[in-house]
Amino acid sequence: MKDQEFNDFYNDGFGWICRHCERELKSLETESEQKYSRLMREGEAESKQPKFSNLALAQWADRANRTLMCPRCGITELIDKS
């Protein structure tokens, strides 16, 4: 799976990222958010509803882990492991 290219998702080593949402979220970032490192902006998750640092992180849509789904935009793509 390492050399495969997918239309809607890519693996950044931490998880599968939705290309469309990532582009959209980057364009929405304000200058003030970019001034400080992620550590300084996020801190510890002390809230009962922690927020992911990457909202474009995909989830598996099936038990066989063959289809990825973006929870933000709902797009899906078949990622065949064979």
PDB file of N, CA and C in Angstrom:
ATOM      1  N   MET A   1       0.804  -1.189   0.000  1.00  0.00           N
ATOM      2  CA  MET A   1       0.000   0.000   0.000  1.00  0.00           C
ATOM      3  C   MET A   1       0.854   1.262   0.000  1.00  0.00           C
ATOM      4  N   LYS A   2       2.100   1.126   0.223  1.00  0.00           N
ATOM      5  CA  LYS A   2       2.973   2.269   0.383  1.00  0.00           C
ATOM      6  C   LYS A   2       3.067   3.120  -0.877  1.00  0.00           C
ATOM      7  N   ASP A   3       3.143   2.503  -2.043  1.00  0.00           N
ATOM      8  CA  ASP A   3       3.350   3.235  -3.287  1.00  0.00           C
ATOM      9  C   ASP A   3       2.055   3.621  -3.993  1.00  0.00           C
ATOM     10  N   GLN A   4       0.908   3.234  -3.448  1.00  0.00           N
ATOM     11  CA  GLN A   4      -0.359   3.535  -4.101  1.00  0.00           C
ATOM     12  C   GLN A   4      -0.762   4.980  -3.879  1.00  0.00           C
ATOM     13  N   GLU A   5      -1.362   5.566  -4.913  1.00  0.00           N
ATOM     14  CA  GLU A   5      -1.916   6.909  -4.816  1.00  0.00           C
ATOM     15  C   GLU A   5      -3.428   6.799  -4.817  1.00  0.00           C
ATOM     16  N   PHE A   6      -4.066   7.561  -3.972  1.00  0.00           N
ATOM     17  CA  PHE A   6      -5.516   7.568  -3.901  1.00  0.00           C
ATOM     18  C   PHE A   6      -6.026   8.968  -4.197  1.00  0.00           C
ATOM     19  N   ASN A   7      -7.221   9.047  -4.752  1.00  0.00           N
ATOM     20  CA  ASN A   7      -7.779  10.328  -5.156  1.00  0.00           C
ATOM     21  C   ASN A   7      -8.147  11.219  -3.984  1.00  0.00           C
ATOM     22  N   ASP A   8      -8.783  10.658  -2.976  1.00  0.00           N
ATOM     23  CA  ASP A   8      -9.376  11.466  -1.920  1.00  0.00           C
ATOM     24  C   ASP A   8      -8.640  11.424  -0.583  1.00  0.00           C
ATOM     25  N   PHE A   9      -7.757  10.454  -0.378  1.00  0.00           N
ATOM     26  CA  PHE A   9      -7.084  10.297   0.911  1.00  0.00           C
ATOM     27  C   PHE A   9      -5.596  10.043   0.711  1.00  0.00           C
ATOM     28  N   TYR A  10      -4.803  10.413   1.720  1.00  0.00           N
ATOM     29  CA  TYR A  10      -3.387  10.043   1.760  1.00  0.00           C
ATOM     30  C   TYR A  10      -3.027   9.730   3.210  1.00  0.00           C
ATOM     31  N   ASN A  11      -1.996   8.929   3.388  1.00  0.00           N
ATOM     32  CA  ASN A  11      -1.556   8.547   4.718  1.00  0.00           C
ATOM     33  C   ASN A  11      -0.331   9.364   5.078  1.00  0.00           C
ATOM     34  N   ASP A  12      -0.433  10.140   6.150  1.00  0.00           N
ATOM     35  CA  ASP A  12       0.687  10.984   6.567  1.00  0.00           C
ATOM     36  C   ASP A  12       1.582  10.309   7.605  1.00  0.00           C
ATOM     37  N   GLY A  13       1.370   9.004   7.851  1.00  0.00           N
ATOM     38  CA  GLY A  13       2.149   8.277   8.841  1.00  0.00           C
ATOM     39  C   GLY A  13       1.441   8.216  10.186  1.00  0.00           C
ATOM     40  N   PHE A  14       0.510   9.119  10.414  1.00  0.00           N
ATOM     41  CA  PHE A  14      -0.271   9.138  11.650  1.00  0.00           C
ATOM     42  C   PHE A  14      -1.675   8.602  11.407  1.00  0.00           C
ATOM     43  N   GLY A  15      -2.169   8.776  10.201  1.00  0.00           N
ATOM     44  CA  GLY A  15      -3.515   8.335   9.850  1.00  0.00           C
ATOM     45  C   GLY A  15      -3.860   8.789   8.446  1.00  0.00           C
ATOM     46  N   TRP A  16      -5.041   8.419   7.986  1.00  0.00           N
ATOM     47  CA  TRP A  16      -5.495   8.790   6.653  1.00  0.00           C
ATOM     48  C   TRP A  16      -6.164  10.164   6.705  1.00  0.00           C
ATOM     49  N   ILE A  17      -5.770  11.032   5.779  1.00  0.00           N
ATOM     50  CA  ILE A  17      -6.245  12.413   5.739  1.00  0.00           C
ATOM     51  C   ILE A  17      -7.061  12.635   4.467  1.00  0.00           C
ATOM     52  N   CYS A  18      -8.204  13.302   4.611  1.00  0.00           N
ATOM     53  CA  CYS A  18      -9.033  13.677   3.466  1.00  0.00           C
ATOM     54  C   CYS A  18      -8.387  14.881   2.772  1.00  0.00           C
ATOM     55  N   ARG A  19      -8.018  14.720   1.517  1.00  0.00           N
ATOM     56  CA  ARG A  19      -7.358  15.798   0.774  1.00  0.00           C
ATOM     57  C   ARG A  19      -8.254  17.033   0.642  1.00  0.00           C
ATOM     58  N   HIS A  20      -9.532  16.823   0.389  1.00  0.00           N
ATOM     59  CA  HIS A  20     -10.464  17.929   0.153  1.00  0.00           C
ATOM     60  C   HIS A  20     -10.656  18.770   1.409  1.00  0.00           C
ATOM     61  N   CYS A  21     -10.912  18.124   2.519  1.00  0.00           N
ATOM     62  CA  CYS A  21     -11.128  18.847   3.778  1.00  0.00           C
ATOM     63  C   CYS A  21      -9.852  19.529   4.251  1.00  0.00           C
ATOM     64  N   GLU A  22      -8.714  18.876   4.057  1.00  0.00           N
ATOM     65  CA  GLU A  22      -7.457  19.483   4.477  1.00  0.00           C
ATOM     66  C   GLU A  22      -7.214  20.788   3.730  1.00  0.00           C
ATOM     67  N   ARG A  23      -7.457  20.781   2.415  1.00  0.00           N
ATOM     68  CA  ARG A  23      -7.298  22.021   1.634  1.00  0.00           C
ATOM     69  C   ARG A  23      -8.245  23.105   2.128  1.00  0.00           C
ATOM     70  N   GLU A  24      -9.491  22.711   2.366  1.00  0.00           N
ATOM     71  CA  GLU A  24     -10.493  23.674   2.817  1.00  0.00           C
ATOM     72  C   GLU A  24     -10.148  24.242   4.196  1.00  0.00           C
ATOM     73  N   LEU A  25      -9.726  23.382   5.107  1.00  0.00           N
ATOM     74  CA  LEU A  25      -9.389  23.823   6.453  1.00  0.00           C
ATOM     75  C   LEU A  25      -8.157  24.716   6.469  1.00  0.00           C
ATOM     76  N   LYS A  26      -7.170  24.411   5.617  1.00  0.00           N
ATOM     77  CA  LYS A  26      -5.977  25.255   5.543  1.00  0.00           C
ATOM     78  C   LYS A  26      -6.318  26.649   5.039  1.00  0.00           C
ATOM     79  N   SER A  27      -7.264  26.732   4.104  1.00  0.00           N
ATOM     80  CA  SER A  27      -7.643  28.044   3.585  1.00  0.00           C
ATOM     81  C   SER A  27      -8.439  28.847   4.609  1.00  0.00           C
ATOM     82  N   LEU A  28      -9.064  28.167   5.588  1.00  0.00           N
ATOM     83  CA  LEU A  28      -9.845  28.854   6.616  1.00  0.00           C
ATOM     84  C   LEU A  28      -9.012  29.302   7.821  1.00  0.00           C
ATOM     85  N   GLU A  29      -7.791  28.785   7.933  1.00  0.00           N
ATOM     86  CA  GLU A  29      -6.940  29.156   9.063  1.00  0.00           C
ATOM     87  C   GLU A  29      -6.632  30.647   9.018  1.00  0.00           C
ATOM     88  N   THR A  30      -6.679  31.261  10.160  1.00  0.00           N
ATOM     89  CA  THR A  30      -6.360  32.681  10.227  1.00  0.00           C
ATOM     90  C   THR A  30      -4.888  32.865  10.546  1.00  0.00           C
ATOM     91  N   GLU A  31      -4.408  34.068  10.330  1.00  0.00           N
ATOM     92  CA  GLU A  31      -3.007  34.358  10.608  1.00  0.00           C
ATOM     93  C   GLU A  31      -2.685  34.170  12.075  1.00  0.00           C
ATOM     94  N   SER A  32      -3.606  34.523  12.956  1.00  0.00           N
ATOM     95  CA  SER A  32      -3.343  34.410  14.388  1.00  0.00           C
ATOM     96  C   SER A  32      -3.130  32.957  14.802  1.00  0.00           C
ATOM     97  N   GLU A  33      -3.821  32.028  14.167  1.00  0.00           N
ATOM     98  CA  GLU A  33      -3.629  30.618  14.487  1.00  0.00           C
ATOM     99  C   GLU A  33      -2.272  30.121  14.026  1.00  0.00           C
ATOM    100  N   GLN A  34      -1.725  30.726  12.991  1.00  0.00           N
ATOM    101  CA  GLN A  34      -0.452  30.280  12.448  1.00  0.00           C
ATOM    102  C   GLN A  34       0.738  30.900  13.171  1.00  0.00           C
ATOM    103  N   LYS A  35       0.522  31.889  14.018  1.00  0.00           N
ATOM    104  CA  LYS A  35       1.617  32.551  14.720  1.00  0.00           C
ATOM    105  C   LYS A  35       2.268  31.643  15.756  1.00  0.00           C
ATOM    106  N   TYR A  36       1.464  30.785  16.379  1.00  0.00           N
ATOM    107  CA  TYR A  36       1.954  29.955  17.466  1.00  0.00           C
ATOM    108  C   TYR A  36       1.987  28.488  17.047  1.00  0.00           C
ATOM    109  N   SER A  37       2.852  27.728  17.695  1.00  0.00           N
ATOM    110  CA  SER A  37       2.918  26.299  17.396  1.00  0.00           C
ATOM    111  C   SER A  37       1.641  25.612  17.875  1.00  0.00           C
ATOM    112  N   ARG A  38       1.400  24.416  17.371  1.00  0.00           N
ATOM    113  CA  ARG A  38       0.211  23.658  17.759  1.00  0.00           C
ATOM    114  C   ARG A  38       0.178  23.410  19.262  1.00  0.00           C
ATOM    115  N   LEU A  39       1.327  23.182  19.872  1.00  0.00           N
ATOM    116  CA  LEU A  39       1.413  22.951  21.312  1.00  0.00           C
ATOM    117  C   LEU A  39       0.860  24.143  22.085  1.00  0.00           C
ATOM    118  N   MET A  40       1.187  25.341  21.648  1.00  0.00           N
ATOM    119  CA  MET A  40       0.741  26.551  22.346  1.00  0.00           C
ATOM    120  C   MET A  40      -0.745  26.826  22.111  1.00  0.00           C
ATOM    121  N   ARG A  41      -1.281  26.416  20.972  1.00  0.00           N
ATOM    122  CA  ARG A  41      -2.697  26.658  20.670  1.00  0.00           C
ATOM    123  C   ARG A  41      -3.608  25.655  21.344  1.00  0.00           C
ATOM    124  N   GLU A  42      -3.189  24.383  21.438  1.00  0.00           N
ATOM    125  CA  GLU A  42      -4.086  23.328  21.887  1.00  0.00           C
ATOM    126  C   GLU A  42      -3.988  23.015  23.368  1.00  0.00           C
ATOM    127  N   GLY A  43      -2.802  22.909  23.899  1.00  0.00           N
ATOM    128  CA  GLY A  43      -2.656  22.549  25.304  1.00  0.00           C
ATOM    129  C   GLY A  43      -3.149  21.140  25.568  1.00  0.00           C
ATOM    130  N   GLU A  44      -3.472  20.857  26.807  1.00  0.00           N
ATOM    131  CA  GLU A  44      -3.979  19.538  27.169  1.00  0.00           C
ATOM    132  C   GLU A  44      -5.487  19.490  26.998  1.00  0.00           C
ATOM    133  N   ALA A  45      -5.988  18.322  26.703  1.00  0.00           N
ATOM    134  CA  ALA A  45      -7.433  18.139  26.514  1.00  0.00           C
ATOM    135  C   ALA A  45      -8.100  17.937  27.871  1.00  0.00           C
ATOM    136  N   GLU A  46      -8.394  19.022  28.555  1.00  0.00           N
ATOM    137  CA  GLU A  46      -9.032  18.937  29.858  1.00  0.00           C
ATOM    138  C   GLU A  46     -10.550  19.002  29.745  1.00  0.00           C
ATOM    139  N   SER A  47     -11.025  19.348  28.596  1.00  0.00           N
ATOM    140  CA  SER A  47     -12.456  19.457  28.364  1.00  0.00           C
ATOM    141  C   SER A  47     -13.068  18.069  28.223  1.00  0.00           C
ATOM    142  N   LYS A  48     -14.352  17.962  28.450  1.00  0.00           N
ATOM    143  CA  LYS A  48     -15.039  16.689  28.261  1.00  0.00           C
ATOM    144  C   LYS A  48     -15.276  16.405  26.785  1.00  0.00           C
ATOM    145  N   GLN A  49     -15.094  17.396  25.934  1.00  0.00           N
ATOM    146  CA  GLN A  49     -15.264  17.247  24.501  1.00  0.00           C
ATOM    147  C   GLN A  49     -14.004  17.733  23.786  1.00  0.00           C
ATOM    148  N   PRO A  50     -12.926  16.927  23.836  1.00  0.00           N
ATOM    149  CA  PRO A  50     -11.677  17.348  23.192  1.00  0.00           C
ATOM    150  C   PRO A  50     -11.848  17.470  21.683  1.00  0.00           C
ATOM    151  N   LYS A  51     -11.051  18.331  21.083  1.00  0.00           N
ATOM    152  CA  LYS A  51     -11.118  18.603  19.651  1.00  0.00           C
ATOM    153  C   LYS A  51      -9.868  18.048  18.980  1.00  0.00           C
ATOM    154  N   PHE A  52     -10.038  17.299  17.882  1.00  0.00           N
ATOM    155  CA  PHE A  52      -8.889  16.767  17.152  1.00  0.00           C
ATOM    156  C   PHE A  52      -8.070  17.908  16.553  1.00  0.00           C
ATOM    157  N   SER A  53      -6.755  17.728  16.514  1.00  0.00           N
ATOM    158  CA  SER A  53      -5.905  18.745  15.907  1.00  0.00           C
ATOM    159  C   SER A  53      -6.042  18.733  14.389  1.00  0.00           C
ATOM    160  N   ASN A  54      -6.458  17.600  13.815  1.00  0.00           N
ATOM    161  CA  ASN A  54      -6.683  17.529  12.377  1.00  0.00           C
ATOM    162  C   ASN A  54      -8.110  17.050  12.140  1.00  0.00           C
ATOM    163  N   LEU A  55      -8.976  17.955  11.748  1.00  0.00           N
ATOM    164  CA  LEU A  55     -10.382  17.622  11.538  1.00  0.00           C
ATOM    165  C   LEU A  55     -10.618  16.831  10.261  1.00  0.00           C
ATOM    166  N   ALA A  56      -9.588  16.684   9.435  1.00  0.00           N
ATOM    167  CA  ALA A  56      -9.716  15.952   8.177  1.00  0.00           C
ATOM    168  C   ALA A  56      -9.289  14.491   8.313  1.00  0.00           C
ATOM    169  N   LEU A  57      -9.109  14.001   9.524  1.00  0.00           N
ATOM    170  CA  LEU A  57      -8.684  12.630   9.774  1.00  0.00           C
ATOM    171  C   LEU A  57      -9.823  11.664   9.438  1.00  0.00           C
ATOM    172  N   ALA A  58      -9.544  10.704   8.565  1.00  0.00           N
ATOM    173  CA  ALA A  58     -10.563   9.763   8.083  1.00  0.00           C
ATOM    174  C   ALA A  58     -10.758   8.605   9.051  1.00  0.00           C
ATOM    175  N   GLN A  59     -11.864   7.895   8.859  1.00  0.00           N
ATOM    176  CA  GLN A  59     -12.192   6.710   9.638  1.00  0.00           C
ATOM    177  C   GLN A  59     -12.485   5.571   8.678  1.00  0.00           C
ATOM    178  N   TRP A  60     -12.373   4.349   9.189  1.00  0.00           N
ATOM    179  CA  TRP A  60     -12.763   3.203   8.379  1.00  0.00           C
ATOM    180  C   TRP A  60     -14.283   3.125   8.357  1.00  0.00           C
ATOM    181  N   ALA A  61     -14.839   2.882   7.181  1.00  0.00           N
ATOM    182  CA  ALA A  61     -16.295   2.816   7.019  1.00  0.00           C
ATOM    183  C   ALA A  61     -16.823   1.389   7.125  1.00  0.00           C
ATOM    184  N   ASP A  62     -15.929   0.405   7.123  1.00  0.00           N
ATOM    185  CA  ASP A  62     -16.360  -0.991   7.187  1.00  0.00           C
ATOM    186  C   ASP A  62     -15.440  -1.779   8.118  1.00  0.00           C
ATOM    187  N   ARG A  63     -15.905  -2.948   8.534  1.00  0.00           N
ATOM    188  CA  ARG A  63     -15.130  -3.788   9.448  1.00  0.00           C
ATOM    189  C   ARG A  63     -13.878  -4.376   8.804  1.00  0.00           C
ATOM    190  N   ALA A  64     -13.882  -4.541   7.498  1.00  0.00           N
ATOM    191  CA  ALA A  64     -12.748  -5.137   6.799  1.00  0.00           C
ATOM    192  C   ALA A  64     -11.624  -4.132   6.562  1.00  0.00           C
ATOM    193  N   ASN A  65     -11.823  -2.874   6.946  1.00  0.00           N
ATOM    194  CA  ASN A  65     -10.837  -1.803   6.745  1.00  0.00           C
ATOM    195  C   ASN A  65     -10.418  -1.681   5.276  1.00  0.00           C
ATOM    196  N   ARG A  66     -11.423  -1.648   4.409  1.00  0.00           N
ATOM    197  CA  ARG A  66     -11.166  -1.501   2.980  1.00  0.00           C
ATOM    198  C   ARG A  66     -11.684  -0.182   2.430  1.00  0.00           C
ATOM    199  N   THR A  67     -12.582   0.473   3.165  1.00  0.00           N
ATOM    200  CA  THR A  67     -13.185   1.712   2.699  1.00  0.00           C
ATOM    201  C   THR A  67     -12.984   2.805   3.741  1.00  0.00           C
ATOM    202  N   LEU A  68     -12.391   3.916   3.297  1.00  0.00           N
ATOM    203  CA  LEU A  68     -12.200   5.061   4.182  1.00  0.00           C
ATOM    204  C   LEU A  68     -13.347   6.043   4.009  1.00  0.00           C
ATOM    205  N   MET A  69     -13.680   6.741   5.113  1.00  0.00           N
ATOM    206  CA  MET A  69     -14.724   7.751   5.068  1.00  0.00           C
ATOM    207  C   MET A  69     -14.260   8.966   5.856  1.00  0.00           C
ATOM    208  N   CYS A  70     -14.493  10.138   5.319  1.00  0.00           N
ATOM    209  CA  CYS A  70     -14.203  11.371   6.032  1.00  0.00           C
ATOM    210  C   CYS A  70     -15.446  11.750   6.830  1.00  0.00           C
ATOM    211  N   PRO A  71     -15.332  11.841   8.162  1.00  0.00           N
ATOM    212  CA  PRO A  71     -16.500  12.185   8.968  1.00  0.00           C
ATOM    213  C   PRO A  71     -16.953  13.626   8.769  1.00  0.00           C
ATOM    214  N   ARG A  72     -16.078  14.468   8.240  1.00  0.00           N
ATOM    215  CA  ARG A  72     -16.413  15.882   8.041  1.00  0.00           C
ATOM    216  C   ARG A  72     -17.252  16.098   6.792  1.00  0.00           C
ATOM    217  N   CYS A  73     -16.819  15.530   5.652  1.00  0.00           N
ATOM    218  CA  CYS A  73     -17.523  15.774   4.390  1.00  0.00           C
ATOM    219  C   CYS A  73     -18.293  14.553   3.894  1.00  0.00           C
ATOM    220  N   GLY A  74     -18.004  13.368   4.452  1.00  0.00           N
ATOM    221  CA  GLY A  74     -18.748  12.166   4.088  1.00  0.00           C
ATOM    222  C   GLY A  74     -18.244  11.435   2.854  1.00  0.00           C
ATOM    223  N   ILE A  75     -17.170  11.907   2.243  1.00  0.00           N
ATOM    224  CA  ILE A  75     -16.631  11.249   1.041  1.00  0.00           C
ATOM    225  C   ILE A  75     -16.038   9.897   1.428  1.00  0.00           C
ATOM    226  N   THR A  76     -16.166   8.915   0.540  1.00  0.00           N
ATOM    227  CA  THR A  76     -15.610   7.583   0.796  1.00  0.00           C
ATOM    228  C   THR A  76     -14.754   7.162  -0.394  1.00  0.00           C
ATOM    229  N   GLU A  77     -13.817   6.260  -0.119  1.00  0.00           N
ATOM    230  CA  GLU A  77     -12.961   5.711  -1.174  1.00  0.00           C
ATOM    231  C   GLU A  77     -12.541   4.304  -0.784  1.00  0.00           C
ATOM    232  N   LEU A  78     -12.558   3.398  -1.745  1.00  0.00           N
ATOM    233  CA  LEU A  78     -12.125   2.026  -1.535  1.00  0.00           C
ATOM    234  C   LEU A  78     -10.603   1.979  -1.491  1.00  0.00           C
ATOM    235  N   ILE A  79     -10.076   1.453  -0.393  1.00  0.00           N
ATOM    236  CA  ILE A  79      -8.619   1.280  -0.204  1.00  0.00           C
ATOM    237  C   ILE A  79      -8.429  -0.231  -0.064  1.00  0.00           C
ATOM    238  N   ASP A  80      -8.115  -0.920  -1.138  1.00  0.00           N
ATOM    239  CA  ASP A  80      -8.003  -2.369  -1.111  1.00  0.00           C
ATOM    240  C   ASP A  80      -6.639  -2.770  -0.604  1.00  0.00           C
ATOM    241  N   LYS A  81      -6.602  -3.578   0.437  1.00  0.00           N
ATOM    242  CA  LYS A  81      -5.338  -4.012   1.038  1.00  0.00           C
ATOM    243  C   LYS A  81      -4.667  -5.144   0.282  1.00  0.00           C
ATOM    244  N   SER A  82      -5.357  -5.780  -0.644  1.00  0.00           N
ATOM    245  CA  SER A  82      -4.777  -6.929  -1.343  1.00  0.00           C
ATOM    246  C   SER A  82      -3.965  -6.516  -2.536  1.00  0.00           C
TER     247      SER A  82
END
